[in-house]
Amino acid sequence: MDRSVKFWDRIAARYSRQPVADEAAYEKKLQVTREYFRPDMELLEFGCGTGSTAMAHAPYVKHILATDISSKMIEIAQAKADAGHIKNITFKCSAIADFSAPDRTLDAVLGLNILHLLDNKEEVIARVHQMLKPGGIFVTSTACLGDTMKFLKLVAPIGRFLGFLPLVKVFTTGELVTRLTEAGFGIDYQWQPGKNKAVFIVAKKAQ
């Protein structure tokens, strides 16, 4: 964890200046996600980075708790929200493994570009399922590197040891879907904008 925190703290300022790699795909993901929103919803976004997605969704829900392991990312996110006078997002520096919410209290959880950066995605998916109300949604956008880049299983640990890569886990889309369904989710929506692109999934907890 400490090594990952240091990595993300170090690149936070540069990360915040990077443009969205695929603007059309990003906008479609925002649009699809908002189709599930209601004005009374309570959301959690973990791995929120510098808060751009949370701020984009803020007008459509009651409140968002947005967390990240990097205090530098959270500082940037809070400054952006303050500058935009956005009042219904609470930013918190926390790892999802250290975060707890009462069972069945959240309407939606967003974990975007984060599951492949976790050492314990199965535990996190199970915990998300517990936190969601019946009928709640878990929205993920995940780089399933095992579909096309299996060699990263060898390269990623070396890059992490040398400090130029964070923790990266390699698994396939099929493996991710299996983990979600094993945790009790149904796959309500699945889309991949192209080869080597992140897989976007809206998983729903049964009523």
N, C-alpha and C. Protein backbone atom coordinates (compact mmCIF):
# COMPACT_ATOMS: atom_id res chain seq x y z
N MET A 1 0.82 -1.20 0.00
CA MET A 1 0.00 0.00 0.00
C MET A 1 0.86 1.26 0.00
N ASP A 2 1.87 1.33 0.87
CA ASP A 2 2.72 2.52 0.95
C ASP A 2 3.35 2.84 -0.39
N ARG A 3 3.81 1.81 -1.11
CA ARG A 3 4.45 2.03 -2.40
C ARG A 3 3.45 2.61 -3.40
N SER A 4 2.21 2.11 -3.38
CA SER A 4 1.18 2.62 -4.29
C SER A 4 0.80 4.06 -3.93
N VAL A 5 0.68 4.34 -2.64
CA VAL A 5 0.35 5.70 -2.21
C VAL A 5 1.42 6.68 -2.69
N LYS A 6 2.67 6.32 -2.51
CA LYS A 6 3.76 7.19 -2.95
C LYS A 6 3.73 7.41 -4.46
N PHE A 7 3.43 6.36 -5.21
CA PHE A 7 3.36 6.48 -6.67
C PHE A 7 2.28 7.48 -7.07
N TRP A 8 1.06 7.33 -6.52
CA TRP A 8 -0.04 8.20 -6.92
C TRP A 8 0.13 9.62 -6.39
N ASP A 9 0.70 9.75 -5.21
CA ASP A 9 1.00 11.10 -4.71
C ASP A 9 1.98 11.81 -5.65
N ARG A 10 2.97 11.06 -6.11
CA ARG A 10 4.02 11.66 -6.94
C ARG A 10 3.49 12.15 -8.28
N ILE A 11 2.52 11.43 -8.86
CA ILE A 11 2.05 11.80 -10.19
C ILE A 11 0.75 12.60 -10.16
N ALA A 12 0.23 12.92 -8.98
CA ALA A 12 -1.09 13.54 -8.87
C ALA A 12 -1.24 14.80 -9.71
N ALA A 13 -0.29 15.71 -9.60
CA ALA A 13 -0.39 16.98 -10.33
C ALA A 13 -0.38 16.74 -11.84
N ARG A 14 0.51 15.87 -12.29
CA ARG A 14 0.57 15.56 -13.73
C ARG A 14 -0.70 14.85 -14.19
N TYR A 15 -1.18 13.93 -13.36
CA TYR A 15 -2.41 13.20 -13.68
C TYR A 15 -3.58 14.15 -13.87
N SER A 16 -3.67 15.16 -13.02
CA SER A 16 -4.80 16.09 -13.07
C SER A 16 -4.81 16.92 -14.35
N ARG A 17 -3.64 17.06 -14.99
CA ARG A 17 -3.56 17.86 -16.21
C ARG A 17 -3.77 17.04 -17.48
N GLN A 18 -3.80 15.74 -17.36
CA GLN A 18 -3.93 14.89 -18.54
C GLN A 18 -5.35 14.95 -19.11
N PRO A 19 -5.50 15.09 -20.41
CA PRO A 19 -6.84 15.05 -21.00
C PRO A 19 -7.39 13.63 -21.00
N VAL A 20 -8.70 13.51 -21.09
CA VAL A 20 -9.33 12.19 -21.20
C VAL A 20 -8.87 11.53 -22.49
N ALA A 21 -8.43 10.28 -22.40
CA ALA A 21 -7.85 9.61 -23.55
C ALA A 21 -8.87 9.37 -24.67
N ASP A 22 -10.10 9.04 -24.31
CA ASP A 22 -11.15 8.78 -25.30
C ASP A 22 -12.41 9.51 -24.83
N GLU A 23 -12.55 10.74 -25.26
CA GLU A 23 -13.62 11.61 -24.79
C GLU A 23 -15.00 11.04 -25.12
N ALA A 24 -15.17 10.48 -26.31
CA ALA A 24 -16.47 9.94 -26.71
C ALA A 24 -16.88 8.77 -25.82
N ALA A 25 -15.94 7.88 -25.55
CA ALA A 25 -16.24 6.74 -24.68
C ALA A 25 -16.55 7.20 -23.27
N TYR A 26 -15.78 8.17 -22.78
CA TYR A 26 -16.01 8.70 -21.43
C TYR A 26 -17.40 9.31 -21.31
N GLU A 27 -17.80 10.08 -22.30
CA GLU A 27 -19.11 10.71 -22.26
C GLU A 27 -20.23 9.68 -22.33
N LYS A 28 -20.01 8.61 -23.09
CA LYS A 28 -21.03 7.55 -23.14
C LYS A 28 -21.16 6.87 -21.79
N LYS A 29 -20.03 6.63 -21.12
CA LYS A 29 -20.08 6.00 -19.80
C LYS A 29 -20.81 6.89 -18.80
N LEU A 30 -20.57 8.19 -18.85
CA LEU A 30 -21.29 9.12 -17.99
C LEU A 30 -22.79 9.05 -18.26
N GLN A 31 -23.14 9.05 -19.54
CA GLN A 31 -24.56 9.05 -19.92
C GLN A 31 -25.25 7.77 -19.46
N VAL A 32 -24.62 6.63 -19.70
CA VAL A 32 -25.22 5.34 -19.30
C VAL A 32 -25.39 5.29 -17.78
N THR A 33 -24.37 5.74 -17.06
CA THR A 33 -24.43 5.72 -15.59
C THR A 33 -25.58 6.58 -15.10
N ARG A 34 -25.75 7.75 -15.68
CA ARG A 34 -26.80 8.68 -15.22
C ARG A 34 -28.20 8.14 -15.45
N GLU A 35 -28.35 7.22 -16.38
CA GLU A 35 -29.67 6.63 -16.61
C GLU A 35 -30.15 5.84 -15.39
N TYR A 36 -29.22 5.48 -14.51
CA TYR A 36 -29.58 4.74 -13.30
C TYR A 36 -29.77 5.67 -12.10
N PHE A 37 -29.45 6.94 -12.25
CA PHE A 37 -29.47 7.85 -11.11
C PHE A 37 -30.87 8.39 -10.81
N ARG A 38 -31.05 8.74 -9.52
CA ARG A 38 -32.22 9.48 -9.06
C ARG A 38 -31.74 10.63 -8.17
N PRO A 39 -32.50 11.69 -8.05
CA PRO A 39 -32.04 12.85 -7.27
C PRO A 39 -31.82 12.56 -5.78
N ASP A 40 -32.39 11.46 -5.25
CA ASP A 40 -32.26 11.17 -3.82
C ASP A 40 -31.14 10.18 -3.51
N MET A 41 -30.31 9.87 -4.49
CA MET A 41 -29.32 8.80 -4.33
C MET A 41 -28.09 9.21 -3.51
N GLU A 42 -27.61 8.25 -2.71
CA GLU A 42 -26.34 8.35 -2.00
C GLU A 42 -25.33 7.46 -2.71
N LEU A 43 -24.21 8.04 -3.14
CA LEU A 43 -23.19 7.32 -3.91
C LEU A 43 -21.87 7.27 -3.17
N LEU A 44 -21.12 6.23 -3.46
CA LEU A 44 -19.70 6.14 -3.09
C LEU A 44 -18.91 5.96 -4.38
N GLU A 45 -17.86 6.76 -4.54
CA GLU A 45 -16.88 6.48 -5.59
C GLU A 45 -15.54 6.24 -4.92
N PHE A 46 -14.98 5.04 -5.09
CA PHE A 46 -13.66 4.78 -4.55
C PHE A 46 -12.63 4.79 -5.68
N GLY A 47 -11.43 5.25 -5.34
CA GLY A 47 -10.44 5.47 -6.38
C GLY A 47 -10.83 6.65 -7.24
N CYS A 48 -11.27 7.75 -6.61
CA CYS A 48 -11.85 8.87 -7.35
C CYS A 48 -10.81 9.74 -8.05
N GLY A 49 -9.51 9.54 -7.75
CA GLY A 49 -8.49 10.36 -8.38
C GLY A 49 -8.68 11.83 -8.04
N THR A 50 -8.63 12.68 -9.03
CA THR A 50 -8.78 14.12 -8.79
C THR A 50 -10.22 14.60 -8.92
N GLY A 51 -11.17 13.67 -8.87
CA GLY A 51 -12.57 14.03 -8.68
C GLY A 51 -13.38 14.41 -9.89
N SER A 52 -12.83 14.30 -11.08
CA SER A 52 -13.55 14.80 -12.27
C SER A 52 -14.88 14.09 -12.49
N THR A 53 -14.90 12.76 -12.35
CA THR A 53 -16.14 12.02 -12.60
C THR A 53 -17.16 12.30 -11.50
N ALA A 54 -16.72 12.35 -10.26
CA ALA A 54 -17.65 12.68 -9.18
C ALA A 54 -18.30 14.03 -9.43
N MET A 55 -17.52 15.01 -9.84
CA MET A 55 -18.06 16.34 -10.10
C MET A 55 -19.00 16.35 -11.30
N ALA A 56 -18.73 15.52 -12.29
CA ALA A 56 -19.61 15.43 -13.45
C ALA A 56 -20.97 14.84 -13.06
N HIS A 57 -20.98 13.92 -12.08
CA HIS A 57 -22.22 13.27 -11.68
C HIS A 57 -22.96 14.02 -10.57
N ALA A 58 -22.29 14.93 -9.89
CA ALA A 58 -22.87 15.57 -8.71
C ALA A 58 -24.25 16.20 -8.93
N PRO A 59 -24.52 16.83 -10.07
CA PRO A 59 -25.84 17.46 -10.24
C PRO A 59 -27.00 16.47 -10.30
N TYR A 60 -26.71 15.18 -10.45
CA TYR A 60 -27.77 14.20 -10.72
C TYR A 60 -28.14 13.36 -9.50
N VAL A 61 -27.45 13.56 -8.37
CA VAL A 61 -27.69 12.75 -7.17
C VAL A 61 -27.70 13.64 -5.93
N LYS A 62 -28.08 13.04 -4.80
CA LYS A 62 -28.13 13.81 -3.56
C LYS A 62 -26.75 14.08 -3.00
N HIS A 63 -25.92 13.02 -2.91
CA HIS A 63 -24.60 13.17 -2.28
C HIS A 63 -23.65 12.10 -2.79
N ILE A 64 -22.38 12.46 -2.93
CA ILE A 64 -21.33 11.53 -3.30
C ILE A 64 -20.22 11.59 -2.26
N LEU A 65 -19.85 10.43 -1.73
CA LEU A 65 -18.63 10.31 -0.94
C LEU A 65 -17.56 9.77 -1.87
N ALA A 66 -16.51 10.53 -2.10
CA ALA A 66 -15.47 10.16 -3.06
C ALA A 66 -14.15 9.96 -2.31
N THR A 67 -13.57 8.78 -2.46
CA THR A 67 -12.36 8.42 -1.71
C THR A 67 -11.22 8.05 -2.64
N ASP A 68 -10.01 8.23 -2.13
CA ASP A 68 -8.80 7.82 -2.86
C ASP A 68 -7.69 7.62 -1.84
N ILE A 69 -6.73 6.75 -2.17
CA ILE A 69 -5.62 6.49 -1.25
C ILE A 69 -4.60 7.62 -1.25
N SER A 70 -4.63 8.45 -2.27
CA SER A 70 -3.64 9.52 -2.42
C SER A 70 -4.16 10.83 -1.84
N SER A 71 -3.50 11.34 -0.82
CA SER A 71 -3.90 12.62 -0.24
C SER A 71 -3.68 13.76 -1.24
N LYS A 72 -2.69 13.63 -2.10
CA LYS A 72 -2.45 14.66 -3.11
C LYS A 72 -3.59 14.72 -4.12
N MET A 73 -4.09 13.55 -4.53
CA MET A 73 -5.25 13.52 -5.42
C MET A 73 -6.45 14.18 -4.76
N ILE A 74 -6.68 13.85 -3.49
CA ILE A 74 -7.82 14.40 -2.77
C ILE A 74 -7.70 15.92 -2.62
N GLU A 75 -6.50 16.42 -2.36
CA GLU A 75 -6.29 17.87 -2.27
C GLU A 75 -6.69 18.56 -3.57
N ILE A 76 -6.27 17.98 -4.69
CA ILE A 76 -6.60 18.57 -5.99
C ILE A 76 -8.10 18.50 -6.24
N ALA A 77 -8.70 17.36 -5.92
CA ALA A 77 -10.15 17.18 -6.11
C ALA A 77 -10.93 18.19 -5.29
N GLN A 78 -10.55 18.38 -4.03
CA GLN A 78 -11.26 19.32 -3.17
C GLN A 78 -11.13 20.75 -3.69
N ALA A 79 -9.95 21.11 -4.17
CA ALA A 79 -9.75 22.45 -4.73
C ALA A 79 -10.63 22.67 -5.96
N LYS A 80 -10.74 21.64 -6.80
CA LYS A 80 -11.59 21.76 -7.99
C LYS A 80 -13.06 21.91 -7.61
N ALA A 81 -13.51 21.13 -6.61
CA ALA A 81 -14.90 21.23 -6.16
C ALA A 81 -15.17 22.60 -5.54
N ASP A 82 -14.22 23.09 -4.76
CA ASP A 82 -14.39 24.41 -4.15
C ASP A 82 -14.48 25.50 -5.23
N ALA A 83 -13.61 25.39 -6.23
CA ALA A 83 -13.63 26.38 -7.31
C ALA A 83 -14.93 26.35 -8.09
N GLY A 84 -15.53 25.15 -8.20
CA GLY A 84 -16.80 25.00 -8.91
C GLY A 84 -18.02 25.15 -8.05
N HIS A 85 -17.80 25.47 -6.76
CA HIS A 85 -18.90 25.65 -5.79
C HIS A 85 -19.81 24.42 -5.73
N ILE A 86 -19.19 23.23 -5.78
CA ILE A 86 -19.92 21.97 -5.70
C ILE A 86 -19.96 21.54 -4.23
N LYS A 87 -21.17 21.46 -3.68
CA LYS A 87 -21.33 21.26 -2.24
C LYS A 87 -21.75 19.84 -1.84
N ASN A 88 -22.15 19.01 -2.78
CA ASN A 88 -22.70 17.70 -2.41
C ASN A 88 -21.72 16.55 -2.64
N ILE A 89 -20.42 16.85 -2.64
CA ILE A 89 -19.39 15.81 -2.66
C ILE A 89 -18.53 15.96 -1.42
N THR A 90 -18.32 14.85 -0.73
CA THR A 90 -17.38 14.80 0.39
C THR A 90 -16.17 13.99 -0.05
N PHE A 91 -15.00 14.61 -0.08
CA PHE A 91 -13.78 13.91 -0.46
C PHE A 91 -13.07 13.41 0.81
N LYS A 92 -12.55 12.19 0.73
CA LYS A 92 -11.90 11.58 1.89
C LYS A 92 -10.72 10.75 1.42
N CYS A 93 -9.58 10.90 2.09
CA CYS A 93 -8.41 10.07 1.78
C CYS A 93 -8.56 8.75 2.51
N SER A 94 -8.82 7.69 1.76
CA SER A 94 -9.05 6.37 2.35
C SER A 94 -8.91 5.31 1.28
N ALA A 95 -8.35 4.18 1.66
CA ALA A 95 -8.37 2.99 0.81
C ALA A 95 -9.71 2.31 0.96
N ILE A 96 -10.20 1.69 -0.09
CA ILE A 96 -11.49 1.01 0.00
C ILE A 96 -11.42 -0.12 1.02
N ALA A 97 -10.25 -0.72 1.22
CA ALA A 97 -10.12 -1.79 2.21
C ALA A 97 -10.31 -1.26 3.63
N ASP A 98 -10.05 0.03 3.84
CA ASP A 98 -10.18 0.63 5.16
C ASP A 98 -11.50 1.35 5.36
N PHE A 99 -12.30 1.42 4.30
CA PHE A 99 -13.55 2.16 4.35
C PHE A 99 -14.68 1.22 4.76
N SER A 100 -15.58 1.72 5.58
CA SER A 100 -16.74 0.92 5.95
C SER A 100 -17.98 1.79 5.94
N ALA A 101 -19.05 1.24 5.44
CA ALA A 101 -20.37 1.86 5.49
C ALA A 101 -21.33 0.79 5.97
N PRO A 102 -22.37 1.16 6.66
CA PRO A 102 -23.35 0.15 7.09
C PRO A 102 -23.91 -0.62 5.90
N ASP A 103 -24.23 -1.87 6.12
CA ASP A 103 -24.80 -2.69 5.05
C ASP A 103 -26.10 -2.09 4.53
N ARG A 104 -26.30 -2.22 3.22
CA ARG A 104 -27.55 -1.84 2.56
C ARG A 104 -27.90 -0.36 2.76
N THR A 105 -26.90 0.51 2.65
CA THR A 105 -27.15 1.94 2.83
C THR A 105 -26.86 2.78 1.60
N LEU A 106 -26.16 2.23 0.62
CA LEU A 106 -25.78 3.01 -0.56
C LEU A 106 -26.64 2.63 -1.77
N ASP A 107 -26.94 3.63 -2.58
CA ASP A 107 -27.71 3.38 -3.80
C ASP A 107 -26.84 2.97 -4.97
N ALA A 108 -25.61 3.47 -4.99
CA ALA A 108 -24.69 3.16 -6.09
C ALA A 108 -23.26 3.30 -5.61
N VAL A 109 -22.40 2.47 -6.17
CA VAL A 109 -20.96 2.55 -5.92
C VAL A 109 -20.25 2.58 -7.26
N LEU A 110 -19.31 3.51 -7.40
CA LEU A 110 -18.51 3.62 -8.62
C LEU A 110 -17.07 3.23 -8.29
N GLY A 111 -16.53 2.31 -9.07
CA GLY A 111 -15.13 1.93 -8.98
C GLY A 111 -14.55 1.96 -10.38
N LEU A 112 -14.06 3.12 -10.80
CA LEU A 112 -13.67 3.34 -12.19
C LEU A 112 -12.16 3.34 -12.34
N ASN A 113 -11.67 2.48 -13.23
CA ASN A 113 -10.23 2.37 -13.48
C ASN A 113 -9.46 2.06 -12.19
N ILE A 114 -10.01 1.15 -11.39
CA ILE A 114 -9.42 0.88 -10.09
C ILE A 114 -9.31 -0.61 -9.76
N LEU A 115 -10.24 -1.45 -10.22
CA LEU A 115 -10.24 -2.85 -9.77
C LEU A 115 -8.95 -3.57 -10.14
N HIS A 116 -8.34 -3.23 -11.27
CA HIS A 116 -7.09 -3.89 -11.66
C HIS A 116 -5.88 -3.35 -10.89
N LEU A 117 -6.12 -2.34 -10.04
CA LEU A 117 -5.05 -1.77 -9.22
C LEU A 117 -5.16 -2.22 -7.76
N LEU A 118 -6.07 -3.15 -7.50
CA LEU A 118 -6.28 -3.64 -6.15
C LEU A 118 -5.69 -5.03 -5.98
N ASP A 119 -5.17 -5.29 -4.80
CA ASP A 119 -4.62 -6.61 -4.50
C ASP A 119 -5.71 -7.60 -4.12
N ASN A 120 -6.90 -7.09 -3.78
CA ASN A 120 -7.96 -7.94 -3.23
C ASN A 120 -9.31 -7.61 -3.83
N LYS A 121 -9.40 -7.60 -5.16
CA LYS A 121 -10.63 -7.16 -5.81
C LYS A 121 -11.82 -8.01 -5.40
N GLU A 122 -11.62 -9.31 -5.15
CA GLU A 122 -12.73 -10.18 -4.76
C GLU A 122 -13.35 -9.72 -3.44
N GLU A 123 -12.51 -9.38 -2.47
CA GLU A 123 -13.00 -8.88 -1.19
C GLU A 123 -13.71 -7.55 -1.35
N VAL A 124 -13.17 -6.69 -2.19
CA VAL A 124 -13.78 -5.38 -2.41
C VAL A 124 -15.14 -5.52 -3.08
N ILE A 125 -15.24 -6.36 -4.10
CA ILE A 125 -16.51 -6.58 -4.78
C ILE A 125 -17.55 -7.11 -3.80
N ALA A 126 -17.16 -8.05 -2.95
CA ALA A 126 -18.09 -8.59 -1.96
C ALA A 126 -18.53 -7.52 -0.97
N ARG A 127 -17.60 -6.66 -0.57
CA ARG A 127 -17.94 -5.58 0.37
C ARG A 127 -18.86 -4.56 -0.28
N VAL A 128 -18.62 -4.24 -1.53
CA VAL A 128 -19.51 -3.32 -2.25
C VAL A 128 -20.93 -3.89 -2.28
N HIS A 129 -21.04 -5.18 -2.56
CA HIS A 129 -22.35 -5.83 -2.59
C HIS A 129 -23.06 -5.67 -1.25
N GLN A 130 -22.33 -5.81 -0.16
CA GLN A 130 -22.93 -5.65 1.17
C GLN A 130 -23.40 -4.22 1.42
N MET A 131 -22.63 -3.24 0.97
CA MET A 131 -22.95 -1.85 1.24
C MET A 131 -24.15 -1.36 0.45
N LEU A 132 -24.43 -1.98 -0.70
CA LEU A 132 -25.51 -1.52 -1.56
C LEU A 132 -26.88 -1.96 -1.05
N LYS A 133 -27.83 -1.09 -1.27
CA LYS A 133 -29.23 -1.46 -1.04
C LYS A 133 -29.66 -2.49 -2.09
N PRO A 134 -30.69 -3.28 -1.80
CA PRO A 134 -31.25 -4.14 -2.86
C PRO A 134 -31.62 -3.31 -4.08
N GLY A 135 -31.20 -3.77 -5.25
CA GLY A 135 -31.42 -3.02 -6.48
C GLY A 135 -30.37 -1.97 -6.76
N GLY A 136 -29.39 -1.81 -5.84
CA GLY A 136 -28.31 -0.85 -6.05
C GLY A 136 -27.36 -1.30 -7.14
N ILE A 137 -26.57 -0.36 -7.66
CA ILE A 137 -25.69 -0.66 -8.78
C ILE A 137 -24.22 -0.44 -8.42
N PHE A 138 -23.39 -1.26 -9.03
CA PHE A 138 -21.94 -1.12 -8.95
C PHE A 138 -21.45 -0.86 -10.37
N VAL A 139 -20.89 0.32 -10.58
CA VAL A 139 -20.43 0.73 -11.91
C VAL A 139 -18.91 0.63 -11.95
N THR A 140 -18.39 -0.13 -12.90
CA THR A 140 -16.95 -0.30 -13.03
C THR A 140 -16.51 -0.04 -14.46
N SER A 141 -15.31 0.46 -14.59
CA SER A 141 -14.63 0.55 -15.88
C SER A 141 -13.23 0.03 -15.62
N THR A 142 -12.91 -1.11 -16.21
CA THR A 142 -11.74 -1.86 -15.76
C THR A 142 -10.87 -2.31 -16.92
N ALA A 143 -9.58 -2.09 -16.79
CA ALA A 143 -8.62 -2.59 -17.77
C ALA A 143 -8.40 -4.08 -17.51
N CYS A 144 -9.00 -4.91 -18.33
CA CYS A 144 -8.86 -6.36 -18.20
C CYS A 144 -7.66 -6.80 -19.04
N LEU A 145 -6.49 -6.64 -18.48
CA LEU A 145 -5.25 -6.79 -19.23
C LEU A 145 -4.97 -8.22 -19.64
N GLY A 146 -5.60 -9.17 -18.97
CA GLY A 146 -5.40 -10.57 -19.33
C GLY A 146 -5.98 -10.94 -20.67
N ASP A 147 -6.86 -10.10 -21.23
CA ASP A 147 -7.45 -10.38 -22.54
C ASP A 147 -6.41 -10.29 -23.65
N THR A 148 -5.46 -9.35 -23.52
CA THR A 148 -4.53 -9.12 -24.62
C THR A 148 -3.07 -8.93 -24.19
N MET A 149 -2.83 -8.76 -22.88
CA MET A 149 -1.48 -8.39 -22.43
C MET A 149 -1.04 -9.27 -21.25
N LYS A 150 -1.08 -10.58 -21.46
CA LYS A 150 -0.74 -11.52 -20.40
C LYS A 150 0.70 -11.36 -19.91
N PHE A 151 1.57 -10.84 -20.77
CA PHE A 151 2.98 -10.68 -20.38
C PHE A 151 3.14 -9.73 -19.21
N LEU A 152 2.12 -8.89 -18.94
CA LEU A 152 2.22 -7.95 -17.83
C LEU A 152 2.28 -8.65 -16.48
N LYS A 153 1.84 -9.90 -16.44
CA LYS A 153 1.96 -10.65 -15.18
C LYS A 153 3.42 -10.76 -14.76
N LEU A 154 4.31 -10.77 -15.74
CA LEU A 154 5.75 -10.83 -15.46
C LEU A 154 6.36 -9.44 -15.30
N VAL A 155 5.91 -8.50 -16.13
CA VAL A 155 6.52 -7.18 -16.17
C VAL A 155 6.06 -6.29 -15.01
N ALA A 156 4.77 -6.36 -14.67
CA ALA A 156 4.20 -5.43 -13.68
C ALA A 156 4.90 -5.49 -12.32
N PRO A 157 5.19 -6.68 -11.77
CA PRO A 157 5.87 -6.68 -10.46
C PRO A 157 7.25 -6.02 -10.50
N ILE A 158 7.95 -6.15 -11.62
CA ILE A 158 9.26 -5.52 -11.75
C ILE A 158 9.11 -4.00 -11.78
N GLY A 159 8.14 -3.53 -12.57
CA GLY A 159 7.89 -2.09 -12.66
C GLY A 159 7.48 -1.50 -11.32
N ARG A 160 6.70 -2.27 -10.56
CA ARG A 160 6.29 -1.77 -9.25
C ARG A 160 7.49 -1.70 -8.30
N PHE A 161 8.34 -2.72 -8.35
CA PHE A 161 9.52 -2.74 -7.48
C PHE A 161 10.44 -1.55 -7.77
N LEU A 162 10.55 -1.20 -9.06
CA LEU A 162 11.42 -0.09 -9.46
C LEU A 162 10.77 1.28 -9.26
N GLY A 163 9.47 1.29 -8.97
CA GLY A 163 8.80 2.54 -8.64
C GLY A 163 8.15 3.28 -9.78
N PHE A 164 8.19 2.72 -11.01
CA PHE A 164 7.56 3.45 -12.12
C PHE A 164 6.22 2.85 -12.52
N LEU A 165 5.73 1.84 -11.80
CA LEU A 165 4.38 1.32 -11.99
C LEU A 165 3.74 1.13 -10.62
N PRO A 166 2.42 1.34 -10.52
CA PRO A 166 1.73 0.98 -9.29
C PRO A 166 1.46 -0.53 -9.29
N LEU A 167 0.82 -1.02 -8.25
CA LEU A 167 0.34 -2.40 -8.25
C LEU A 167 -0.62 -2.57 -9.42
N VAL A 168 -0.41 -3.58 -10.25
CA VAL A 168 -1.30 -3.87 -11.38
C VAL A 168 -1.59 -5.36 -11.40
N LYS A 169 -2.87 -5.71 -11.40
CA LYS A 169 -3.29 -7.10 -11.47
C LYS A 169 -3.78 -7.42 -12.88
N VAL A 170 -3.44 -8.59 -13.36
CA VAL A 170 -3.78 -8.99 -14.72
C VAL A 170 -4.85 -10.08 -14.66
N PHE A 171 -6.02 -9.79 -15.25
CA PHE A 171 -7.11 -10.77 -15.33
C PHE A 171 -7.94 -10.46 -16.56
N THR A 172 -8.80 -11.38 -16.95
CA THR A 172 -9.60 -11.24 -18.16
C THR A 172 -10.98 -10.68 -17.84
N THR A 173 -11.68 -10.26 -18.90
CA THR A 173 -13.06 -9.81 -18.75
C THR A 173 -13.92 -10.92 -18.17
N GLY A 174 -13.72 -12.13 -18.67
CA GLY A 174 -14.49 -13.27 -18.17
C GLY A 174 -14.27 -13.50 -16.68
N GLU A 175 -13.04 -13.34 -16.23
CA GLU A 175 -12.74 -13.51 -14.81
C GLU A 175 -13.42 -12.43 -13.98
N LEU A 176 -13.43 -11.19 -14.48
CA LEU A 176 -14.08 -10.11 -13.76
C LEU A 176 -15.58 -10.35 -13.66
N VAL A 177 -16.20 -10.73 -14.75
CA VAL A 177 -17.64 -11.01 -14.74
C VAL A 177 -17.96 -12.15 -13.76
N THR A 178 -17.12 -13.16 -13.74
CA THR A 178 -17.31 -14.28 -12.82
C THR A 178 -17.25 -13.82 -11.37
N ARG A 179 -16.26 -12.96 -11.06
CA ARG A 179 -16.15 -12.46 -9.68
C ARG A 179 -17.39 -11.66 -9.29
N LEU A 180 -17.90 -10.87 -10.21
CA LEU A 180 -19.09 -10.06 -9.92
C LEU A 180 -20.31 -10.95 -9.70
N THR A 181 -20.51 -11.93 -10.56
CA THR A 181 -21.68 -12.79 -10.41
C THR A 181 -21.56 -13.70 -9.19
N GLU A 182 -20.36 -14.13 -8.86
CA GLU A 182 -20.16 -14.93 -7.65
C GLU A 182 -20.51 -14.14 -6.39
N ALA A 183 -20.29 -12.82 -6.45
CA ALA A 183 -20.60 -11.96 -5.30
C ALA A 183 -22.09 -11.68 -5.18
N GLY A 184 -22.88 -12.04 -6.20
CA GLY A 184 -24.32 -11.86 -6.13
C GLY A 184 -24.87 -10.79 -7.06
N PHE A 185 -24.02 -10.25 -7.93
CA PHE A 185 -24.48 -9.24 -8.88
C PHE A 185 -25.00 -9.88 -10.16
N GLY A 186 -25.93 -9.20 -10.80
CA GLY A 186 -26.31 -9.50 -12.17
C GLY A 186 -25.71 -8.44 -13.07
N ILE A 187 -25.27 -8.82 -14.25
CA ILE A 187 -24.68 -7.86 -15.19
C ILE A 187 -25.82 -7.20 -15.95
N ASP A 188 -26.05 -5.92 -15.67
CA ASP A 188 -27.15 -5.19 -16.29
C ASP A 188 -26.74 -4.53 -17.58
N TYR A 189 -25.45 -4.18 -17.70
CA TYR A 189 -24.95 -3.50 -18.90
C TYR A 189 -23.46 -3.79 -19.01
N GLN A 190 -23.02 -4.10 -20.22
CA GLN A 190 -21.58 -4.35 -20.45
C GLN A 190 -21.21 -3.80 -21.82
N TRP A 191 -20.10 -3.06 -21.86
CA TRP A 191 -19.68 -2.43 -23.11
C TRP A 191 -18.18 -2.22 -23.11
N GLN A 192 -17.58 -2.47 -24.26
CA GLN A 192 -16.16 -2.18 -24.45
C GLN A 192 -16.02 -1.37 -25.72
N PRO A 193 -15.49 -0.15 -25.63
CA PRO A 193 -15.45 0.73 -26.80
C PRO A 193 -14.50 0.29 -27.90
N GLY A 194 -13.60 -0.65 -27.62
CA GLY A 194 -12.67 -1.12 -28.64
C GLY A 194 -11.64 -2.05 -28.04
N LYS A 195 -10.86 -2.67 -28.89
CA LYS A 195 -9.82 -3.58 -28.43
C LYS A 195 -8.82 -2.82 -27.55
N ASN A 196 -8.41 -3.48 -26.48
CA ASN A 196 -7.46 -2.91 -25.51
C ASN A 196 -8.05 -1.74 -24.71
N LYS A 197 -9.37 -1.55 -24.80
CA LYS A 197 -10.03 -0.51 -24.03
C LYS A 197 -10.61 -1.11 -22.74
N ALA A 198 -10.81 -0.26 -21.74
CA ALA A 198 -11.40 -0.71 -20.50
C ALA A 198 -12.83 -1.23 -20.73
N VAL A 199 -13.20 -2.24 -19.97
CA VAL A 199 -14.54 -2.83 -20.05
C VAL A 199 -15.43 -2.12 -19.04
N PHE A 200 -16.54 -1.59 -19.53
CA PHE A 200 -17.48 -0.84 -18.71
C PHE A 200 -18.65 -1.74 -18.34
N ILE A 201 -18.93 -1.85 -17.04
CA ILE A 201 -19.99 -2.76 -16.57
C ILE A 201 -20.84 -2.05 -15.53
N VAL A 202 -22.14 -2.20 -15.67
CA VAL A 202 -23.07 -1.84 -14.61
C VAL A 202 -23.62 -3.14 -14.04
N ALA A 203 -23.26 -3.44 -12.81
CA ALA A 203 -23.70 -4.66 -12.14
C ALA A 203 -24.76 -4.29 -11.10
N LYS A 204 -25.84 -5.06 -11.05
CA LYS A 204 -26.96 -4.72 -10.16
C LYS A 204 -27.14 -5.79 -9.10
N LYS A 205 -27.34 -5.31 -7.87
CA LYS A 205 -27.69 -6.21 -6.77
C LYS A 205 -29.17 -6.56 -6.87
N ALA A 206 -29.50 -7.81 -6.61
CA ALA A 206 -30.88 -8.24 -6.72
C ALA A 206 -31.77 -7.51 -5.72
N GLN A 207 -33.01 -7.33 -6.11
CA GLN A 207 -33.99 -6.68 -5.22
C GLN A 207 -34.30 -7.56 -4.01
